[in-house]
Amino acid sequence: MSYVETDFLLALIKEDDWLSAAAERYYREHSEELWTSTHTLVELMLVAYREDRNVERVVANAAALIEVRGGTDPVLAAANAVEEDGMTPFDALHLVAAGGDPIVSSDGSYDDVTDRVALEELVE
């Protein structure tokens, strides 16, 4: 088994990546031996967000290519919140991690998607 890092998956996903041919060849020869972690999916979220790509599609496509240890559901749910609710990747990850519990934060981006304890209103 070999662990693949973000640049490998980016090379598979981005047609104009200078490593695309090498990554595609390696993937064809070793696809059953490759795995990654949720950390790679989180990094892909950040890259897709920064490059104004469809975050949900990028993460879902990457997760479909190789085994992701640690589970994909939280990252896919966060990627969905980025696309559907306009959240930043890390705010979306916090939203998913909170699991429906109120979030204590001064960040108003949560207001439309979950209950928030408005930290700014607690200032005395």
N, C-alpha and C. Protein backbone atom coordinates (compact mmCIF):
# COMPACT_ATOMS: atom_id res chain seq x y z
N MET A 1 0.85 -1.19 0.00
CA MET A 1 0.00 0.00 0.00
C MET A 1 0.89 1.25 0.00
N SER A 2 0.42 2.27 -0.69
CA SER A 2 1.12 3.55 -0.72
C SER A 2 0.13 4.66 -0.41
N TYR A 3 0.59 5.59 0.41
CA TYR A 3 -0.21 6.76 0.78
C TYR A 3 -0.01 7.83 -0.28
N VAL A 4 -1.10 8.41 -0.78
CA VAL A 4 -0.98 9.50 -1.74
C VAL A 4 -1.33 10.82 -1.07
N GLU A 5 -0.57 11.82 -1.43
CA GLU A 5 -0.73 13.15 -0.90
C GLU A 5 -1.53 13.99 -1.88
N THR A 6 -1.86 15.18 -1.49
CA THR A 6 -2.75 16.06 -2.26
C THR A 6 -2.26 16.31 -3.68
N ASP A 7 -0.96 16.52 -3.85
CA ASP A 7 -0.48 16.85 -5.19
C ASP A 7 -0.74 15.73 -6.19
N PHE A 8 -0.72 14.48 -5.74
CA PHE A 8 -1.03 13.35 -6.62
C PHE A 8 -2.48 13.44 -7.10
N LEU A 9 -3.41 13.66 -6.17
CA LEU A 9 -4.82 13.74 -6.55
C LEU A 9 -5.10 14.98 -7.40
N LEU A 10 -4.44 16.09 -7.09
CA LEU A 10 -4.61 17.28 -7.92
C LEU A 10 -4.15 17.00 -9.35
N ALA A 11 -3.06 16.27 -9.48
CA ALA A 11 -2.56 15.94 -10.82
C ALA A 11 -3.56 15.06 -11.58
N LEU A 12 -4.30 14.22 -10.87
CA LEU A 12 -5.32 13.40 -11.53
C LEU A 12 -6.55 14.23 -11.91
N ILE A 13 -6.87 15.20 -11.08
CA ILE A 13 -8.10 15.98 -11.26
C ILE A 13 -7.93 17.13 -12.25
N LYS A 14 -6.78 17.80 -12.18
CA LYS A 14 -6.54 18.98 -13.02
C LYS A 14 -5.86 18.57 -14.33
N GLU A 15 -6.54 18.81 -15.43
CA GLU A 15 -6.00 18.42 -16.73
C GLU A 15 -4.72 19.17 -17.09
N ASP A 16 -4.58 20.41 -16.60
CA ASP A 16 -3.43 21.22 -16.96
C ASP A 16 -2.27 21.09 -15.99
N ASP A 17 -2.34 20.17 -15.04
CA ASP A 17 -1.28 19.98 -14.06
C ASP A 17 -0.06 19.34 -14.74
N TRP A 18 1.11 19.84 -14.44
CA TRP A 18 2.32 19.35 -15.09
C TRP A 18 2.65 17.90 -14.71
N LEU A 19 2.03 17.39 -13.65
CA LEU A 19 2.26 16.02 -13.22
C LEU A 19 1.14 15.06 -13.65
N SER A 20 0.20 15.54 -14.44
CA SER A 20 -0.96 14.73 -14.82
C SER A 20 -0.60 13.40 -15.45
N ALA A 21 0.26 13.41 -16.44
CA ALA A 21 0.60 12.17 -17.15
C ALA A 21 1.25 11.16 -16.22
N ALA A 22 2.17 11.62 -15.39
CA ALA A 22 2.85 10.72 -14.45
C ALA A 22 1.86 10.16 -13.43
N ALA A 23 0.99 11.02 -12.91
CA ALA A 23 0.01 10.57 -11.92
C ALA A 23 -0.97 9.58 -12.53
N GLU A 24 -1.43 9.86 -13.74
CA GLU A 24 -2.37 8.95 -14.40
C GLU A 24 -1.74 7.58 -14.68
N ARG A 25 -0.49 7.59 -15.11
CA ARG A 25 0.21 6.33 -15.38
C ARG A 25 0.38 5.53 -14.07
N TYR A 26 0.80 6.20 -13.02
CA TYR A 26 0.99 5.52 -11.74
C TYR A 26 -0.35 5.00 -11.20
N TYR A 27 -1.38 5.80 -11.35
CA TYR A 27 -2.71 5.38 -10.89
C TYR A 27 -3.19 4.13 -11.64
N ARG A 28 -3.02 4.11 -12.95
CA ARG A 28 -3.44 2.94 -13.74
C ARG A 28 -2.72 1.67 -13.28
N GLU A 29 -1.47 1.81 -12.94
CA GLU A 29 -0.66 0.64 -12.56
C GLU A 29 -0.85 0.22 -11.11
N HIS A 30 -1.27 1.15 -10.23
CA HIS A 30 -1.27 0.87 -8.80
C HIS A 30 -2.56 1.25 -8.08
N SER A 31 -3.64 1.48 -8.78
CA SER A 31 -4.85 2.03 -8.15
C SER A 31 -5.35 1.22 -6.97
N GLU A 32 -5.18 -0.08 -7.01
CA GLU A 32 -5.67 -0.93 -5.92
C GLU A 32 -4.78 -0.87 -4.68
N GLU A 33 -3.61 -0.25 -4.81
CA GLU A 33 -2.65 -0.19 -3.71
C GLU A 33 -2.58 1.19 -3.06
N LEU A 34 -3.40 2.11 -3.49
CA LEU A 34 -3.29 3.50 -3.03
C LEU A 34 -4.35 3.84 -2.01
N TRP A 35 -3.97 4.68 -1.07
CA TRP A 35 -4.93 5.18 -0.08
C TRP A 35 -4.49 6.57 0.35
N THR A 36 -5.40 7.27 1.01
CA THR A 36 -5.09 8.59 1.57
C THR A 36 -5.92 8.77 2.83
N SER A 37 -5.85 9.96 3.40
CA SER A 37 -6.59 10.25 4.63
C SER A 37 -7.54 11.43 4.41
N THR A 38 -8.32 11.69 5.41
CA THR A 38 -9.23 12.84 5.34
C THR A 38 -8.45 14.15 5.27
N HIS A 39 -7.21 14.15 5.76
CA HIS A 39 -6.40 15.37 5.68
C HIS A 39 -6.20 15.80 4.23
N THR A 40 -6.02 14.83 3.36
CA THR A 40 -5.87 15.13 1.94
C THR A 40 -7.14 15.74 1.38
N LEU A 41 -8.29 15.21 1.77
CA LEU A 41 -9.56 15.77 1.29
C LEU A 41 -9.76 17.19 1.79
N VAL A 42 -9.35 17.46 3.03
CA VAL A 42 -9.46 18.83 3.56
C VAL A 42 -8.56 19.77 2.76
N GLU A 43 -7.35 19.33 2.46
CA GLU A 43 -6.46 20.17 1.65
C GLU A 43 -7.04 20.39 0.25
N LEU A 44 -7.64 19.37 -0.32
CA LEU A 44 -8.30 19.53 -1.62
C LEU A 44 -9.43 20.55 -1.54
N MET A 45 -10.18 20.53 -0.43
CA MET A 45 -11.23 21.53 -0.23
C MET A 45 -10.66 22.93 -0.30
N LEU A 46 -9.54 23.14 0.39
CA LEU A 46 -8.93 24.47 0.43
C LEU A 46 -8.44 24.90 -0.95
N VAL A 47 -7.80 23.99 -1.66
CA VAL A 47 -7.31 24.32 -3.01
C VAL A 47 -8.48 24.62 -3.94
N ALA A 48 -9.50 23.79 -3.92
CA ALA A 48 -10.67 24.02 -4.79
C ALA A 48 -11.34 25.34 -4.46
N TYR A 49 -11.46 25.66 -3.19
CA TYR A 49 -12.08 26.92 -2.76
C TYR A 49 -11.25 28.10 -3.25
N ARG A 50 -9.93 28.01 -3.06
CA ARG A 50 -9.03 29.09 -3.47
C ARG A 50 -9.07 29.29 -4.98
N GLU A 51 -9.20 28.20 -5.74
CA GLU A 51 -9.21 28.28 -7.20
C GLU A 51 -10.61 28.44 -7.78
N ASP A 52 -11.58 28.68 -6.92
CA ASP A 52 -12.97 28.90 -7.32
C ASP A 52 -13.52 27.73 -8.15
N ARG A 53 -13.18 26.52 -7.72
CA ARG A 53 -13.72 25.31 -8.35
C ARG A 53 -14.90 24.83 -7.52
N ASN A 54 -15.66 23.90 -8.03
CA ASN A 54 -16.77 23.31 -7.28
C ASN A 54 -16.18 22.39 -6.22
N VAL A 55 -16.18 22.86 -4.97
CA VAL A 55 -15.54 22.15 -3.86
C VAL A 55 -16.14 20.77 -3.67
N GLU A 56 -17.45 20.70 -3.71
CA GLU A 56 -18.12 19.41 -3.48
C GLU A 56 -17.73 18.40 -4.56
N ARG A 57 -17.71 18.82 -5.80
CA ARG A 57 -17.36 17.91 -6.89
C ARG A 57 -15.91 17.45 -6.79
N VAL A 58 -15.00 18.37 -6.49
CA VAL A 58 -13.58 18.01 -6.38
C VAL A 58 -13.37 16.97 -5.29
N VAL A 59 -13.96 17.20 -4.12
CA VAL A 59 -13.78 16.27 -3.00
C VAL A 59 -14.44 14.92 -3.30
N ALA A 60 -15.64 14.95 -3.85
CA ALA A 60 -16.33 13.70 -4.17
C ALA A 60 -15.58 12.90 -5.23
N ASN A 61 -15.07 13.57 -6.25
CA ASN A 61 -14.32 12.87 -7.29
C ASN A 61 -13.05 12.24 -6.74
N ALA A 62 -12.35 12.98 -5.90
CA ALA A 62 -11.12 12.44 -5.29
C ALA A 62 -11.43 11.25 -4.41
N ALA A 63 -12.49 11.36 -3.61
CA ALA A 63 -12.87 10.26 -2.71
C ALA A 63 -13.28 9.02 -3.49
N ALA A 64 -13.78 9.20 -4.70
CA ALA A 64 -14.19 8.06 -5.51
C ALA A 64 -12.99 7.37 -6.17
N LEU A 65 -11.88 8.08 -6.28
CA LEU A 65 -10.71 7.52 -6.96
C LEU A 65 -9.95 6.51 -6.12
N ILE A 66 -9.79 6.79 -4.82
CA ILE A 66 -8.97 5.91 -3.99
C ILE A 66 -9.58 5.75 -2.60
N GLU A 67 -9.09 4.77 -1.88
CA GLU A 67 -9.54 4.52 -0.51
C GLU A 67 -9.16 5.71 0.38
N VAL A 68 -10.12 6.16 1.16
CA VAL A 68 -9.86 7.24 2.12
C VAL A 68 -10.05 6.65 3.51
N ARG A 69 -8.98 6.56 4.25
CA ARG A 69 -9.06 6.03 5.60
C ARG A 69 -9.47 7.14 6.55
N GLY A 70 -10.34 6.81 7.46
CA GLY A 70 -10.84 7.80 8.41
C GLY A 70 -12.22 8.28 8.04
N GLY A 71 -12.73 7.83 6.92
CA GLY A 71 -14.09 8.18 6.52
C GLY A 71 -14.18 9.46 5.73
N THR A 72 -15.11 9.48 4.81
CA THR A 72 -15.28 10.65 3.93
C THR A 72 -16.49 11.49 4.28
N ASP A 73 -17.43 10.93 5.03
CA ASP A 73 -18.70 11.62 5.26
C ASP A 73 -18.56 13.04 5.82
N PRO A 74 -17.74 13.26 6.87
CA PRO A 74 -17.64 14.63 7.40
C PRO A 74 -17.08 15.63 6.38
N VAL A 75 -16.08 15.21 5.63
CA VAL A 75 -15.48 16.13 4.66
C VAL A 75 -16.43 16.38 3.49
N LEU A 76 -17.13 15.34 3.05
CA LEU A 76 -18.12 15.53 1.98
C LEU A 76 -19.26 16.44 2.44
N ALA A 77 -19.69 16.29 3.70
CA ALA A 77 -20.73 17.16 4.24
C ALA A 77 -20.25 18.60 4.31
N ALA A 78 -18.99 18.79 4.71
CA ALA A 78 -18.43 20.14 4.76
C ALA A 78 -18.31 20.72 3.36
N ALA A 79 -17.88 19.92 2.41
CA ALA A 79 -17.77 20.40 1.02
C ALA A 79 -19.14 20.82 0.50
N ASN A 80 -20.17 20.08 0.88
CA ASN A 80 -21.53 20.46 0.50
C ASN A 80 -21.91 21.80 1.11
N ALA A 81 -21.55 22.04 2.37
CA ALA A 81 -21.87 23.31 3.02
C ALA A 81 -21.13 24.47 2.36
N VAL A 82 -19.94 24.23 1.85
CA VAL A 82 -19.21 25.27 1.12
C VAL A 82 -20.00 25.66 -0.12
N GLU A 83 -20.44 24.66 -0.87
CA GLU A 83 -21.16 24.93 -2.12
C GLU A 83 -22.58 25.44 -1.89
N GLU A 84 -23.31 24.80 -1.01
CA GLU A 84 -24.73 25.13 -0.82
C GLU A 84 -24.97 26.35 0.07
N ASP A 85 -24.13 26.53 1.08
CA ASP A 85 -24.37 27.60 2.05
C ASP A 85 -23.36 28.73 1.96
N GLY A 86 -22.40 28.62 1.05
CA GLY A 86 -21.43 29.69 0.86
C GLY A 86 -20.44 29.85 2.00
N MET A 87 -20.21 28.79 2.74
CA MET A 87 -19.30 28.85 3.88
C MET A 87 -17.86 28.69 3.41
N THR A 88 -16.92 29.12 4.25
CA THR A 88 -15.52 28.84 3.98
C THR A 88 -15.25 27.38 4.37
N PRO A 89 -14.19 26.78 3.84
CA PRO A 89 -13.93 25.38 4.17
C PRO A 89 -13.82 25.10 5.67
N PHE A 90 -13.10 25.93 6.40
CA PHE A 90 -12.94 25.65 7.83
C PHE A 90 -14.23 25.89 8.61
N ASP A 91 -14.99 26.92 8.26
CA ASP A 91 -16.28 27.12 8.92
C ASP A 91 -17.19 25.92 8.66
N ALA A 92 -17.15 25.40 7.44
CA ALA A 92 -17.97 24.23 7.10
C ALA A 92 -17.53 23.00 7.89
N LEU A 93 -16.23 22.83 8.07
CA LEU A 93 -15.73 21.70 8.87
C LEU A 93 -16.18 21.84 10.32
N HIS A 94 -16.13 23.06 10.87
CA HIS A 94 -16.62 23.29 12.24
C HIS A 94 -18.11 22.98 12.33
N LEU A 95 -18.87 23.39 11.34
CA LEU A 95 -20.30 23.14 11.31
C LEU A 95 -20.58 21.64 11.40
N VAL A 96 -19.89 20.87 10.60
CA VAL A 96 -20.08 19.42 10.60
C VAL A 96 -19.61 18.81 11.92
N ALA A 97 -18.47 19.27 12.42
CA ALA A 97 -17.94 18.73 13.68
C ALA A 97 -18.88 18.99 14.85
N ALA A 98 -19.58 20.12 14.81
CA ALA A 98 -20.49 20.47 15.90
C ALA A 98 -21.67 19.50 15.98
N GLY A 99 -21.97 18.85 14.91
CA GLY A 99 -23.00 17.82 14.92
C GLY A 99 -24.38 18.30 15.34
N GLY A 100 -24.71 19.53 15.02
CA GLY A 100 -26.03 20.05 15.37
C GLY A 100 -26.06 20.81 16.68
N ASP A 101 -24.99 20.76 17.46
CA ASP A 101 -24.92 21.55 18.69
C ASP A 101 -24.70 23.02 18.32
N PRO A 102 -25.16 23.95 19.17
CA PRO A 102 -24.91 25.36 18.90
C PRO A 102 -23.41 25.64 18.85
N ILE A 103 -23.03 26.58 18.02
CA ILE A 103 -21.63 26.95 17.87
C ILE A 103 -21.42 28.29 18.55
N VAL A 104 -20.45 28.35 19.46
CA VAL A 104 -20.10 29.59 20.14
C VAL A 104 -19.08 30.29 19.26
N SER A 105 -19.47 31.43 18.70
CA SER A 105 -18.62 32.12 17.73
C SER A 105 -19.14 33.52 17.47
N SER A 106 -18.24 34.37 17.01
CA SER A 106 -18.67 35.70 16.55
C SER A 106 -18.93 35.69 15.05
N ASP A 107 -18.76 34.56 14.41
CA ASP A 107 -18.90 34.44 12.96
C ASP A 107 -20.36 34.25 12.58
N GLY A 108 -20.93 35.27 11.97
CA GLY A 108 -22.33 35.25 11.58
C GLY A 108 -22.66 34.32 10.43
N SER A 109 -21.64 33.73 9.80
CA SER A 109 -21.93 32.83 8.68
C SER A 109 -22.68 31.58 9.13
N TYR A 110 -22.68 31.30 10.42
CA TYR A 110 -23.41 30.14 10.93
C TYR A 110 -24.90 30.42 11.10
N ASP A 111 -25.28 31.68 11.16
CA ASP A 111 -26.65 32.04 11.54
C ASP A 111 -27.73 31.42 10.66
N ASP A 112 -27.47 31.26 9.40
CA ASP A 112 -28.48 30.71 8.49
C ASP A 112 -28.50 29.18 8.45
N VAL A 113 -27.53 28.54 9.09
CA VAL A 113 -27.44 27.09 8.96
C VAL A 113 -27.50 26.32 10.28
N THR A 114 -27.30 27.01 11.40
CA THR A 114 -27.34 26.33 12.70
C THR A 114 -27.54 27.36 13.80
N ASP A 115 -27.76 26.88 15.00
CA ASP A 115 -27.86 27.79 16.14
C ASP A 115 -26.47 28.25 16.53
N ARG A 116 -26.38 29.54 16.89
CA ARG A 116 -25.10 30.12 17.26
C ARG A 116 -25.25 30.89 18.55
N VAL A 117 -24.31 30.71 19.46
CA VAL A 117 -24.20 31.57 20.64
C VAL A 117 -23.30 32.72 20.19
N ALA A 118 -23.90 33.91 20.06
CA ALA A 118 -23.19 35.06 19.51
C ALA A 118 -22.21 35.61 20.54
N LEU A 119 -20.96 35.30 20.36
CA LEU A 119 -19.93 35.70 21.30
C LEU A 119 -19.86 37.22 21.45
N GLU A 120 -20.09 37.92 20.35
CA GLU A 120 -20.02 39.39 20.39
C GLU A 120 -21.10 39.99 21.27
N GLU A 121 -22.19 39.27 21.48
CA GLU A 121 -23.26 39.77 22.34
C GLU A 121 -22.99 39.53 23.82
N LEU A 122 -21.94 38.81 24.13
CA LEU A 122 -21.59 38.52 25.51
C LEU A 122 -20.59 39.52 26.08
N VAL A 123 -20.14 40.45 25.23
CA VAL A 123 -19.19 41.46 25.69
C VAL A 123 -19.88 42.38 26.68
N GLU A 124 -19.23 42.62 27.81
CA GLU A 124 -19.83 43.50 28.84
C GLU A 124 -19.28 44.89 28.74
